[in-house]
């Protein structure tokens, strides 16, 4: 669990570990979900601002990747959830994750006042 300030940037740092060479050029999505499960903020982009596309990853590569979104001021005092996944920008096809589904919940975050 973490915390954020309403109306301020929230940076989510991701650490990708390639176990195989990806066959698609994936785009990362980071969603901030409000208490009702709806997306209230998001950031989409290729890893490392497009400088390290997934098609360049090799098995064993370790990629540090940051995505920044702005927490809405309407969430003051509300619990929220951070969700992450990958998709192909041209088709919208999402990458399945281990355990099923097409995204991973990183955890909850407290939006302070």
PDB file of N, CA and C in Angstrom:
ATOM      1  N   UNK A   1       0.852  -1.187   0.000  1.00  0.00           N
ATOM      2  CA  UNK A   1       0.000   0.000   0.000  1.00  0.00           C
ATOM      3  C   UNK A   1       0.890   1.241   0.000  1.00  0.00           C
ATOM      4  N   UNK A   2       0.407   2.271  -0.650  1.00  0.00           N
ATOM      5  CA  UNK A   2       1.138   3.523  -0.725  1.00  0.00           C
ATOM      6  C   UNK A   2       0.192   4.660  -0.472  1.00  0.00           C
ATOM      7  N   UNK A   3       0.668   5.861  -0.751  1.00  0.00           N
ATOM      8  CA  UNK A   3      -0.186   7.032  -0.574  1.00  0.00           C
ATOM      9  C   UNK A   3       0.099   8.035  -1.682  1.00  0.00           C
ATOM     10  N   UNK A   4      -0.871   8.909  -1.913  1.00  0.00           N
ATOM     11  CA  UNK A   4      -0.743   9.939  -2.939  1.00  0.00           C
ATOM     12  C   UNK A   4      -1.511  11.168  -2.476  1.00  0.00           C
ATOM     13  N   UNK A   5      -1.218  12.301  -3.097  1.00  0.00           N
ATOM     14  CA  UNK A   5      -1.887  13.560  -2.787  1.00  0.00           C
ATOM     15  C   UNK A   5      -2.851  13.899  -3.912  1.00  0.00           C
ATOM     16  N   UNK A   6      -4.112  14.215  -3.590  1.00  0.00           N
ATOM     17  CA  UNK A   6      -5.079  14.548  -4.643  1.00  0.00           C
ATOM     18  C   UNK A   6      -4.585  15.693  -5.524  1.00  0.00           C
ATOM     19  N   UNK A   7      -4.770  15.560  -6.831  1.00  0.00           N
ATOM     20  CA  UNK A   7      -4.389  16.593  -7.784  1.00  0.00           C
ATOM     21  C   UNK A   7      -2.911  16.652  -8.099  1.00  0.00           C
ATOM     22  N   UNK A   8      -2.135  15.753  -7.526  1.00  0.00           N
ATOM     23  CA  UNK A   8      -0.680  15.742  -7.732  1.00  0.00           C
ATOM     24  C   UNK A   8      -0.272  14.505  -8.535  1.00  0.00           C
ATOM     25  N   UNK A   9       0.905  14.565  -9.176  1.00  0.00           N
ATOM     26  CA  UNK A   9       1.391  13.402  -9.926  1.00  0.00           C
ATOM     27  C   UNK A   9       1.657  12.204  -9.018  1.00  0.00           C
ATOM     28  N   UNK A  10       1.368  11.043  -9.543  1.00  0.00           N
ATOM     29  CA  UNK A  10       1.666   9.770  -8.892  1.00  0.00           C
ATOM     30  C   UNK A  10       2.502   8.972  -9.877  1.00  0.00           C
ATOM     31  N   UNK A  11       3.725   8.627  -9.501  1.00  0.00           N
ATOM     32  CA  UNK A  11       4.593   7.846 -10.378  1.00  0.00           C
ATOM     33  C   UNK A  11       4.587   6.396  -9.925  1.00  0.00           C
ATOM     34  N   UNK A  12       4.287   5.516 -10.865  1.00  0.00           N
ATOM     35  CA  UNK A  12       4.295   4.078 -10.615  1.00  0.00           C
ATOM     36  C   UNK A  12       5.536   3.520 -11.304  1.00  0.00           C
ATOM     37  N   UNK A  13       6.429   2.946 -10.515  1.00  0.00           N
ATOM     38  CA  UNK A  13       7.670   2.377 -11.050  1.00  0.00           C
ATOM     39  C   UNK A  13       7.492   0.880 -11.239  1.00  0.00           C
ATOM     40  N   UNK A  14       7.769   0.417 -12.453  1.00  0.00           N
ATOM     41  CA  UNK A  14       7.623  -0.991 -12.790  1.00  0.00           C
ATOM     42  C   UNK A  14       8.989  -1.578 -13.103  1.00  0.00           C
ATOM     43  N   UNK A  15       9.158  -2.836 -12.791  1.00  0.00           N
ATOM     44  CA  UNK A  15      10.393  -3.551 -13.098  1.00  0.00           C
ATOM     45  C   UNK A  15       9.988  -4.770 -13.912  1.00  0.00           C
ATOM     46  N   UNK A  16      10.316  -4.735 -15.196  1.00  0.00           N
ATOM     47  CA  UNK A  16       9.996  -5.834 -16.099  1.00  0.00           C
ATOM     48  C   UNK A  16      11.198  -6.765 -16.192  1.00  0.00           C
ATOM     49  N   UNK A  17      10.950  -8.070 -16.179  1.00  0.00           N
ATOM     50  CA  UNK A  17      12.000  -9.075 -16.358  1.00  0.00           C
ATOM     51  C   UNK A  17      11.590  -9.969 -17.522  1.00  0.00           C
ATOM     52  N   UNK A  18      12.329  -9.912 -18.605  1.00  0.00           N
ATOM     53  CA  UNK A  18      11.999 -10.701 -19.795  1.00  0.00           C
ATOM     54  C   UNK A  18      12.424 -12.153 -19.598  1.00  0.00           C
ATOM     55  N   UNK A  19      11.461 -13.062 -19.709  1.00  0.00           N
ATOM     56  CA  UNK A  19      11.790 -14.488 -19.628  1.00  0.00           C
ATOM     57  C   UNK A  19      11.865 -15.096 -21.027  1.00  0.00           C
ATOM     58  N   UNK A  20      11.373 -14.353 -22.014  1.00  0.00           N
ATOM     59  CA  UNK A  20      11.449 -14.744 -23.426  1.00  0.00           C
ATOM     60  C   UNK A  20      11.415 -13.462 -24.254  1.00  0.00           C
ATOM     61  N   UNK A  21      11.782 -13.557 -25.511  1.00  0.00           N
ATOM     62  CA  UNK A  21      11.733 -12.390 -26.398  1.00  0.00           C
ATOM     63  C   UNK A  21      10.272 -12.162 -26.804  1.00  0.00           C
ATOM     64  N   UNK A  22       9.680 -11.015 -26.452  1.00  0.00           N
ATOM     65  CA  UNK A  22       8.285 -10.751 -26.832  1.00  0.00           C
ATOM     66  C   UNK A  22       8.119 -10.723 -28.349  1.00  0.00           C
ATOM     67  N   UNK A  23       6.974 -11.213 -28.811  1.00  0.00           N
ATOM     68  CA  UNK A  23       6.690 -11.239 -30.242  1.00  0.00           C
ATOM     69  C   UNK A  23       5.859 -10.038 -30.676  1.00  0.00           C
ATOM     70  N   UNK A  24       5.352  -9.268 -29.715  1.00  0.00           N
ATOM     71  CA  UNK A  24       4.550  -8.086 -30.020  1.00  0.00           C
ATOM     72  C   UNK A  24       5.222  -6.841 -29.449  1.00  0.00           C
ATOM     73  N   UNK A  25       4.892  -5.714 -30.019  1.00  0.00           N
ATOM     74  CA  UNK A  25       5.324  -4.429 -29.461  1.00  0.00           C
ATOM     75  C   UNK A  25       4.213  -3.979 -28.517  1.00  0.00           C
ATOM     76  N   UNK A  26       4.395  -4.259 -27.229  1.00  0.00           N
ATOM     77  CA  UNK A  26       3.378  -4.012 -26.216  1.00  0.00           C
ATOM     78  C   UNK A  26       3.414  -2.575 -25.719  1.00  0.00           C
ATOM     79  N   UNK A  27       2.246  -2.073 -25.375  1.00  0.00           N
ATOM     80  CA  UNK A  27       2.084  -0.782 -24.708  1.00  0.00           C
ATOM     81  C   UNK A  27       1.645  -1.077 -23.283  1.00  0.00           C
ATOM     82  N   UNK A  28       2.190  -0.349 -22.333  1.00  0.00           N
ATOM     83  CA  UNK A  28       1.850  -0.523 -20.916  1.00  0.00           C
ATOM     84  C   UNK A  28       0.663   0.375 -20.578  1.00  0.00           C
ATOM     85  N   UNK A  29      -0.285  -0.147 -19.783  1.00  0.00           N
ATOM     86  CA  UNK A  29      -1.310   0.726 -19.216  1.00  0.00           C
ATOM     87  C   UNK A  29      -1.228   0.656 -17.696  1.00  0.00           C
ATOM     88  N   UNK A  30      -1.357   1.819 -17.088  1.00  0.00           N
ATOM     89  CA  UNK A  30      -1.420   1.928 -15.632  1.00  0.00           C
ATOM     90  C   UNK A  30      -2.724   2.646 -15.323  1.00  0.00           C
ATOM     91  N   UNK A  31      -3.603   1.983 -14.601  1.00  0.00           N
ATOM     92  CA  UNK A  31      -4.902   2.558 -14.237  1.00  0.00           C
ATOM     93  C   UNK A  31      -4.966   2.798 -12.737  1.00  0.00           C
ATOM     94  N   UNK A  32      -5.542   3.923 -12.365  1.00  0.00           N
ATOM     95  CA  UNK A  32      -5.897   4.178 -10.974  1.00  0.00           C
ATOM     96  C   UNK A  32      -7.403   3.989 -10.899  1.00  0.00           C
ATOM     97  N   UNK A  33      -7.824   3.026 -10.108  1.00  0.00           N
ATOM     98  CA  UNK A  33      -9.244   2.713  -9.972  1.00  0.00           C
ATOM     99  C   UNK A  33      -9.785   3.320  -8.692  1.00  0.00           C
ATOM    100  N   UNK A  34     -10.916   3.984  -8.797  1.00  0.00           N
ATOM    101  CA  UNK A  34     -11.575   4.554  -7.625  1.00  0.00           C
ATOM    102  C   UNK A  34     -12.234   3.465  -6.791  1.00  0.00           C
ATOM    103  N   UNK A  35     -12.866   3.835  -5.680  1.00  0.00           N
ATOM    104  CA  UNK A  35     -13.497   2.854  -4.788  1.00  0.00           C
ATOM    105  C   UNK A  35     -14.566   2.008  -5.478  1.00  0.00           C
ATOM    106  N   UNK A  36     -15.163   2.538  -6.563  1.00  0.00           N
ATOM    107  CA  UNK A  36     -16.192   1.793  -7.294  1.00  0.00           C
ATOM    108  C   UNK A  36     -15.616   0.915  -8.396  1.00  0.00           C
ATOM    109  N   UNK A  37     -14.267   0.880  -8.536  1.00  0.00           N
ATOM    110  CA  UNK A  37     -13.618   0.061  -9.536  1.00  0.00           C
ATOM    111  C   UNK A  37     -13.502   0.702 -10.906  1.00  0.00           C
ATOM    112  N   UNK A  38     -13.976   1.929 -11.044  1.00  0.00           N
ATOM    113  CA  UNK A  38     -13.900   2.648 -12.327  1.00  0.00           C
ATOM    114  C   UNK A  38     -12.547   3.355 -12.461  1.00  0.00           C
ATOM    115  N   UNK A  39     -12.068   3.482 -13.694  1.00  0.00           N
ATOM    116  CA  UNK A  39     -10.802   4.176 -13.960  1.00  0.00           C
ATOM    117  C   UNK A  39     -10.994   5.663 -13.704  1.00  0.00           C
ATOM    118  N   UNK A  40     -10.148   6.234 -12.829  1.00  0.00           N
ATOM    119  CA  UNK A  40     -10.218   7.667 -12.536  1.00  0.00           C
ATOM    120  C   UNK A  40      -8.985   8.414 -13.044  1.00  0.00           C
ATOM    121  N   UNK A  41      -7.921   7.673 -13.354  1.00  0.00           N
ATOM    122  CA  UNK A  41      -6.713   8.255 -13.948  1.00  0.00           C
ATOM    123  C   UNK A  41      -5.963   7.123 -14.631  1.00  0.00           C
ATOM    124  N   UNK A  42      -5.228   7.479 -15.687  1.00  0.00           N
ATOM    125  CA  UNK A  42      -4.475   6.434 -16.373  1.00  0.00           C
ATOM    126  C   UNK A  42      -3.301   7.021 -17.133  1.00  0.00           C
ATOM    127  N   UNK A  43      -2.353   6.144 -17.425  1.00  0.00           N
ATOM    128  CA  UNK A  43      -1.243   6.485 -18.303  1.00  0.00           C
ATOM    129  C   UNK A  43      -0.966   5.275 -19.177  1.00  0.00           C
ATOM    130  N   UNK A  44      -0.868   5.495 -20.481  1.00  0.00           N
ATOM    131  CA  UNK A  44      -0.522   4.453 -21.426  1.00  0.00           C
ATOM    132  C   UNK A  44       0.745   4.887 -22.148  1.00  0.00           C
ATOM    133  N   UNK A  45       1.642   3.964 -22.372  1.00  0.00           N
ATOM    134  CA  UNK A  45       2.855   4.274 -23.113  1.00  0.00           C
ATOM    135  C   UNK A  45       3.762   3.068 -23.201  1.00  0.00           C
ATOM    136  N   UNK A  46       4.643   3.091 -24.179  1.00  0.00           N
ATOM    137  CA  UNK A  46       5.615   2.011 -24.308  1.00  0.00           C
ATOM    138  C   UNK A  46       6.631   2.111 -23.167  1.00  0.00           C
ATOM    139  N   UNK A  47       7.247   0.991 -22.808  1.00  0.00           N
ATOM    140  CA  UNK A  47       8.222   1.013 -21.726  1.00  0.00           C
ATOM    141  C   UNK A  47       9.313   2.069 -21.943  1.00  0.00           C
ATOM    142  N   UNK A  48       9.681   2.714 -20.872  1.00  0.00           N
ATOM    143  CA  UNK A  48      10.742   3.717 -20.835  1.00  0.00           C
ATOM    144  C   UNK A  48      10.490   4.798 -21.888  1.00  0.00           C
ATOM    145  N   UNK A  49       9.245   5.245 -21.974  1.00  0.00           N
ATOM    146  CA  UNK A  49       8.893   6.324 -22.898  1.00  0.00           C
ATOM    147  C   UNK A  49       9.110   5.977 -24.362  1.00  0.00           C
ATOM    148  N   UNK A  50       9.063   4.691 -24.713  1.00  0.00           N
ATOM    149  CA  UNK A  50       9.261   4.254 -26.087  1.00  0.00           C
ATOM    150  C   UNK A  50      10.715   4.003 -26.450  1.00  0.00           C
ATOM    151  N   UNK A  51      11.627   4.288 -25.534  1.00  0.00           N
ATOM    152  CA  UNK A  51      13.056   4.107 -25.822  1.00  0.00           C
ATOM    153  C   UNK A  51      13.490   2.645 -25.751  1.00  0.00           C
ATOM    154  N   UNK A  52      12.686   1.808 -25.075  1.00  0.00           N
ATOM    155  CA  UNK A  52      13.028   0.386 -24.949  1.00  0.00           C
ATOM    156  C   UNK A  52      11.779  -0.438 -25.289  1.00  0.00           C
ATOM    157  N   UNK A  53      11.416  -0.505 -26.591  1.00  0.00           N
ATOM    158  CA  UNK A  53      10.213  -1.260 -26.962  1.00  0.00           C
ATOM    159  C   UNK A  53      10.366  -2.737 -26.624  1.00  0.00           C
ATOM    160  N   UNK A  54       9.256  -3.384 -26.346  1.00  0.00           N
ATOM    161  CA  UNK A  54       9.309  -4.796 -25.941  1.00  0.00           C
ATOM    162  C   UNK A  54       9.897  -5.682 -27.034  1.00  0.00           C
ATOM    163  N   UNK A  55       9.800  -5.286 -28.296  1.00  0.00           N
ATOM    164  CA  UNK A  55      10.376  -6.093 -29.373  1.00  0.00           C
ATOM    165  C   UNK A  55      11.911  -6.128 -29.323  1.00  0.00           C
ATOM    166  N   UNK A  56      12.520  -5.259 -28.514  1.00  0.00           N
ATOM    167  CA  UNK A  56      13.979  -5.248 -28.362  1.00  0.00           C
ATOM    168  C   UNK A  56      14.429  -6.041 -27.128  1.00  0.00           C
ATOM    169  N   UNK A  57      13.479  -6.514 -26.328  1.00  0.00           N
ATOM    170  CA  UNK A  57      13.829  -7.248 -25.111  1.00  0.00           C
ATOM    171  C   UNK A  57      14.363  -8.642 -25.460  1.00  0.00           C
ATOM    172  N   UNK A  58      15.337  -9.076 -24.696  1.00  0.00           N
ATOM    173  CA  UNK A  58      15.891 -10.417 -24.829  1.00  0.00           C
ATOM    174  C   UNK A  58      15.721 -11.156 -23.510  1.00  0.00           C
ATOM    175  N   UNK A  59      15.683 -12.484 -23.548  1.00  0.00           N
ATOM    176  CA  UNK A  59      15.565 -13.232 -22.294  1.00  0.00           C
ATOM    177  C   UNK A  59      16.656 -12.816 -21.302  1.00  0.00           C
ATOM    178  N   UNK A  60      16.243 -12.557 -20.079  1.00  0.00           N
ATOM    179  CA  UNK A  60      17.177 -12.130 -19.038  1.00  0.00           C
ATOM    180  C   UNK A  60      17.263 -10.626 -18.872  1.00  0.00           C
ATOM    181  N   UNK A  61      16.720  -9.856 -19.825  1.00  0.00           N
ATOM    182  CA  UNK A  61      16.741  -8.395 -19.707  1.00  0.00           C
ATOM    183  C   UNK A  61      15.912  -7.948 -18.505  1.00  0.00           C
ATOM    184  N   UNK A  62      16.375  -6.888 -17.878  1.00  0.00           N
ATOM    185  CA  UNK A  62      15.686  -6.262 -16.748  1.00  0.00           C
ATOM    186  C   UNK A  62      15.452  -4.799 -17.113  1.00  0.00           C
ATOM    187  N   UNK A  63      14.187  -4.380 -17.126  1.00  0.00           N
ATOM    188  CA  UNK A  63      13.843  -3.040 -17.584  1.00  0.00           C
ATOM    189  C   UNK A  63      13.126  -2.286 -16.477  1.00  0.00           C
ATOM    190  N   UNK A  64      13.655  -1.118 -16.107  1.00  0.00           N
ATOM    191  CA  UNK A  64      12.994  -0.245 -15.145  1.00  0.00           C
ATOM    192  C   UNK A  64      12.166   0.758 -15.925  1.00  0.00           C
ATOM    193  N   UNK A  65      10.909   0.926 -15.539  1.00  0.00           N
ATOM    194  CA  UNK A  65       9.945   1.680 -16.329  1.00  0.00           C
ATOM    195  C   UNK A  65       9.050   2.480 -15.389  1.00  0.00           C
ATOM    196  N   UNK A  66       8.903   3.779 -15.618  1.00  0.00           N
ATOM    197  CA  UNK A  66       8.069   4.630 -14.757  1.00  0.00           C
ATOM    198  C   UNK A  66       6.927   5.237 -15.564  1.00  0.00           C
ATOM    199  N   UNK A  67       5.758   5.279 -14.959  1.00  0.00           N
ATOM    200  CA  UNK A  67       4.566   5.872 -15.570  1.00  0.00           C
ATOM    201  C   UNK A  67       3.945   6.823 -14.561  1.00  0.00           C
ATOM    202  N   UNK A  68       3.661   8.053 -15.002  1.00  0.00           N
ATOM    203  CA  UNK A  68       3.120   9.072 -14.104  1.00  0.00           C
ATOM    204  C   UNK A  68       1.703   9.436 -14.521  1.00  0.00           C
ATOM    205  N   UNK A  69       0.816   9.493 -13.546  1.00  0.00           N
ATOM    206  CA  UNK A  69      -0.556   9.934 -13.770  1.00  0.00           C
ATOM    207  C   UNK A  69      -0.910  10.917 -12.670  1.00  0.00           C
ATOM    208  N   UNK A  70      -1.984  11.646 -12.848  1.00  0.00           N
ATOM    209  CA  UNK A  70      -2.394  12.644 -11.860  1.00  0.00           C
ATOM    210  C   UNK A  70      -3.614  12.132 -11.115  1.00  0.00           C
ATOM    211  N   UNK A  71      -3.532  12.125  -9.787  1.00  0.00           N
ATOM    212  CA  UNK A  71      -4.660  11.678  -8.978  1.00  0.00           C
ATOM    213  C   UNK A  71      -5.713  12.783  -8.939  1.00  0.00           C
ATOM    214  N   UNK A  72      -6.967  12.456  -9.241  1.00  0.00           N
ATOM    215  CA  UNK A  72      -8.016  13.471  -9.222  1.00  0.00           C
ATOM    216  C   UNK A  72      -8.235  14.018  -7.813  1.00  0.00           C
ATOM    217  N   UNK A  73      -8.471  15.315  -7.707  1.00  0.00           N
ATOM    218  CA  UNK A  73      -8.710  15.910  -6.391  1.00  0.00           C
ATOM    219  C   UNK A  73     -10.018  15.414  -5.789  1.00  0.00           C
ATOM    220  N   UNK A  74     -10.915  14.866  -6.604  1.00  0.00           N
ATOM    221  CA  UNK A  74     -12.180  14.340  -6.090  1.00  0.00           C
ATOM    222  C   UNK A  74     -12.003  13.075  -5.259  1.00  0.00           C
ATOM    223  N   UNK A  75     -10.812  12.476  -5.273  1.00  0.00           N
ATOM    224  CA  UNK A  75     -10.575  11.239  -4.528  1.00  0.00           C
ATOM    225  C   UNK A  75     -10.061  11.468  -3.117  1.00  0.00           C
ATOM    226  N   UNK A  76     -10.027  12.684  -2.654  1.00  0.00           N
ATOM    227  CA  UNK A  76      -9.479  12.969  -1.331  1.00  0.00           C
ATOM    228  C   UNK A  76     -10.129  12.082  -0.268  1.00  0.00           C
ATOM    229  N   UNK A  77      -9.296  11.319   0.410  1.00  0.00           N
ATOM    230  CA  UNK A  77      -9.766  10.439   1.480  1.00  0.00           C
ATOM    231  C   UNK A  77     -10.326   9.121   0.991  1.00  0.00           C
ATOM    232  N   UNK A  78     -10.303   8.873  -0.323  1.00  0.00           N
ATOM    233  CA  UNK A  78     -10.875   7.658  -0.885  1.00  0.00           C
ATOM    234  C   UNK A  78      -9.792   6.606  -1.140  1.00  0.00           C
ATOM    235  N   UNK A  79     -10.075   5.333  -0.841  1.00  0.00           N
ATOM    236  CA  UNK A  79      -9.121   4.270  -1.183  1.00  0.00           C
ATOM    237  C   UNK A  79      -9.168   3.995  -2.684  1.00  0.00           C
ATOM    238  N   UNK A  80      -8.016   3.726  -3.276  1.00  0.00           N
ATOM    239  CA  UNK A  80      -7.928   3.468  -4.709  1.00  0.00           C
ATOM    240  C   UNK A  80      -7.020   2.275  -4.949  1.00  0.00           C
ATOM    241  N   UNK A  81      -7.029   1.779  -6.176  1.00  0.00           N
ATOM    242  CA  UNK A  81      -6.252   0.604  -6.553  1.00  0.00           C
ATOM    243  C   UNK A  81      -5.447   0.925  -7.806  1.00  0.00           C
ATOM    244  N   UNK A  82      -4.214   0.417  -7.871  1.00  0.00           N
ATOM    245  CA  UNK A  82      -3.373   0.572  -9.056  1.00  0.00           C
ATOM    246  C   UNK A  82      -3.378  -0.754  -9.817  1.00  0.00           C
ATOM    247  N   UNK A  83      -3.688  -0.674 -11.117  1.00  0.00           N
ATOM    248  CA  UNK A  83      -3.797  -1.840 -11.988  1.00  0.00           C
ATOM    249  C   UNK A  83      -2.876  -1.632 -13.186  1.00  0.00           C
ATOM    250  N   UNK A  84      -2.186  -2.689 -13.613  1.00  0.00           N
ATOM    251  CA  UNK A  84      -1.222  -2.603 -14.705  1.00  0.00           C
ATOM    252  C   UNK A  84      -1.433  -3.748 -15.680  1.00  0.00           C
ATOM    253  N   UNK A  85      -1.181  -3.480 -16.965  1.00  0.00           N
ATOM    254  CA  UNK A  85      -1.236  -4.527 -17.974  1.00  0.00           C
ATOM    255  C   UNK A  85      -0.551  -4.075 -19.248  1.00  0.00           C
ATOM    256  N   UNK A  86      -0.586  -4.945 -20.243  1.00  0.00           N
ATOM    257  CA  UNK A  86       0.035  -4.692 -21.546  1.00  0.00           C
ATOM    258  C   UNK A  86      -0.985  -4.929 -22.645  1.00  0.00           C
ATOM    259  N   UNK A  87      -0.865  -4.142 -23.743  1.00  0.00           N
ATOM    260  CA  UNK A  87      -1.720  -4.371 -24.905  1.00  0.00           C
ATOM    261  C   UNK A  87      -0.992  -3.959 -26.175  1.00  0.00           C
ATOM    262  N   UNK A  88      -1.472  -4.464 -27.306  1.00  0.00           N
ATOM    263  CA  UNK A  88      -0.951  -4.088 -28.619  1.00  0.00           C
ATOM    264  C   UNK A  88      -1.742  -2.868 -29.069  1.00  0.00           C
ATOM    265  N   UNK A  89      -1.075  -1.750 -29.270  1.00  0.00           N
ATOM    266  CA  UNK A  89      -1.758  -0.490 -29.580  1.00  0.00           C
ATOM    267  C   UNK A  89      -2.606  -0.580 -30.854  1.00  0.00           C
ATOM    268  N   UNK A  90      -2.130  -1.255 -31.873  1.00  0.00           N
ATOM    269  CA  UNK A  90      -2.841  -1.306 -33.153  1.00  0.00           C
ATOM    270  C   UNK A  90      -4.160  -2.063 -33.081  1.00  0.00           C
ATOM    271  N   UNK A  91      -4.244  -3.054 -32.175  1.00  0.00           N
ATOM    272  CA  UNK A  91      -5.436  -3.911 -32.121  1.00  0.00           C
ATOM    273  C   UNK A  91      -6.204  -3.820 -30.808  1.00  0.00           C
ATOM    274  N   UNK A  92      -5.548  -3.345 -29.755  1.00  0.00           N
ATOM    275  CA  UNK A  92      -6.176  -3.333 -28.433  1.00  0.00           C
ATOM    276  C   UNK A  92      -6.076  -4.670 -27.716  1.00  0.00           C
ATOM    277  N   UNK A  93      -5.456  -5.667 -28.359  1.00  0.00           N
ATOM    278  CA  UNK A  93      -5.296  -6.994 -27.758  1.00  0.00           C
ATOM    279  C   UNK A  93      -4.462  -6.892 -26.485  1.00  0.00           C
ATOM    280  N   UNK A  94      -5.034  -7.387 -25.393  1.00  0.00           N
ATOM    281  CA  UNK A  94      -4.303  -7.374 -24.120  1.00  0.00           C
ATOM    282  C   UNK A  94      -3.531  -8.675 -23.929  1.00  0.00           C
ATOM    283  N   UNK A  95      -2.426  -8.561 -23.206  1.00  0.00           N
ATOM    284  CA  UNK A  95      -1.579  -9.705 -22.894  1.00  0.00           C
ATOM    285  C   UNK A  95      -2.138 -10.408 -21.666  1.00  0.00           C
ATOM    286  N   UNK A  96      -2.385 -11.722 -21.743  1.00  0.00           N
ATOM    287  CA  UNK A  96      -2.857 -12.423 -20.546  1.00  0.00           C
ATOM    288  C   UNK A  96      -1.760 -12.468 -19.478  1.00  0.00           C
ATOM    289  N   UNK A  97      -2.168 -12.462 -18.230  1.00  0.00           N
ATOM    290  CA  UNK A  97      -1.217 -12.513 -17.113  1.00  0.00           C
ATOM    291  C   UNK A  97      -1.318 -13.865 -16.421  1.00  0.00           C
ATOM    292  N   UNK A  98      -0.269 -14.231 -15.699  1.00  0.00           N
ATOM    293  CA  UNK A  98      -0.289 -15.478 -14.939  1.00  0.00           C
ATOM    294  C   UNK A  98      -1.452 -15.453 -13.957  1.00  0.00           C
ATOM    295  N   UNK A  99      -2.125 -16.552 -13.838  1.00  0.00           N
ATOM    296  CA  UNK A  99      -3.252 -16.625 -12.914  1.00  0.00           C
ATOM    297  C   UNK A  99      -4.570 -16.243 -13.570  1.00  0.00           C
ATOM    298  N   UNK A 100      -4.534 -15.851 -14.844  1.00  0.00           N
ATOM    299  CA  UNK A 100      -5.753 -15.500 -15.564  1.00  0.00           C
ATOM    300  C   UNK A 100      -5.988 -14.005 -15.601  1.00  0.00           C
ATOM    301  N   UNK A 101      -6.819 -13.583 -16.503  1.00  0.00           N
ATOM    302  CA  UNK A 101      -7.132 -12.173 -16.658  1.00  0.00           C
ATOM    303  C   UNK A 101      -6.164 -11.484 -17.600  1.00  0.00           C
ATOM    304  N   UNK A 102      -6.327 -10.164 -17.708  1.00  0.00           N
ATOM    305  CA  UNK A 102      -5.489  -9.396 -18.624  1.00  0.00           C
ATOM    306  C   UNK A 102      -4.860  -8.180 -17.973  1.00  0.00           C
ATOM    307  N   UNK A 103      -4.826  -8.184 -16.642  1.00  0.00           N
ATOM    308  CA  UNK A 103      -4.160  -7.112 -15.904  1.00  0.00           C
ATOM    309  C   UNK A 103      -3.796  -7.629 -14.517  1.00  0.00           C
ATOM    310  N   UNK A 104      -2.939  -6.875 -13.854  1.00  0.00           N
ATOM    311  CA  UNK A 104      -2.500  -7.223 -12.507  1.00  0.00           C
ATOM    312  C   UNK A 104      -2.772  -6.047 -11.590  1.00  0.00           C
ATOM    313  N   UNK A 105      -3.331  -6.316 -10.426  1.00  0.00           N
ATOM    314  CA  UNK A 105      -3.519  -5.275  -9.413  1.00  0.00           C
ATOM    315  C   UNK A 105      -2.230  -5.224  -8.590  1.00  0.00           C
ATOM    316  N   UNK A 106      -1.592  -4.053  -8.584  1.00  0.00           N
ATOM    317  CA  UNK A 106      -0.350  -3.898  -7.815  1.00  0.00           C
ATOM    318  C   UNK A 106      -0.621  -3.701  -6.339  1.00  0.00           C
ATOM    319  N   UNK A 107      -1.751  -3.112  -6.016  1.00  0.00           N
ATOM    320  CA  UNK A 107      -2.083  -2.884  -4.613  1.00  0.00           C
ATOM    321  C   UNK A 107      -2.989  -1.692  -4.439  1.00  0.00           C
ATOM    322  N   UNK A 108      -3.274  -1.411  -3.183  1.00  0.00           N
ATOM    323  CA  UNK A 108      -4.136  -0.279  -2.882  1.00  0.00           C
ATOM    324  C   UNK A 108      -3.301   0.942  -2.547  1.00  0.00           C
ATOM    325  N   UNK A 109      -3.931   2.087  -2.679  1.00  0.00           N
ATOM    326  CA  UNK A 109      -3.251   3.344  -2.379  1.00  0.00           C
ATOM    327  C   UNK A 109      -4.233   4.246  -1.654  1.00  0.00           C
ATOM    328  N   UNK A 110      -3.733   4.965  -0.690  1.00  0.00           N
ATOM    329  CA  UNK A 110      -4.551   5.891   0.073  1.00  0.00           C
ATOM    330  C   UNK A 110      -4.353   7.297  -0.499  1.00  0.00           C
ATOM    331  N   UNK A 111      -5.445   7.930  -0.871  1.00  0.00           N
ATOM    332  CA  UNK A 111      -5.377   9.290  -1.398  1.00  0.00           C
ATOM    333  C   UNK A 111      -5.617  10.237  -0.234  1.00  0.00           C
ATOM    334  N   UNK A 112      -4.547  10.910   0.211  1.00  0.00           N
ATOM    335  CA  UNK A 112      -4.614  11.791   1.372  1.00  0.00           C
ATOM    336  C   UNK A 112      -5.188  13.151   1.052  1.00  0.00           C
ATOM    337  N   UNK A 113      -5.327  13.964   2.067  1.00  0.00           N
ATOM    338  CA  UNK A 113      -5.864  15.308   1.901  1.00  0.00           C
ATOM    339  C   UNK A 113      -4.759  16.329   1.823  1.00  0.00           C
TER     340      UNK A 113
END
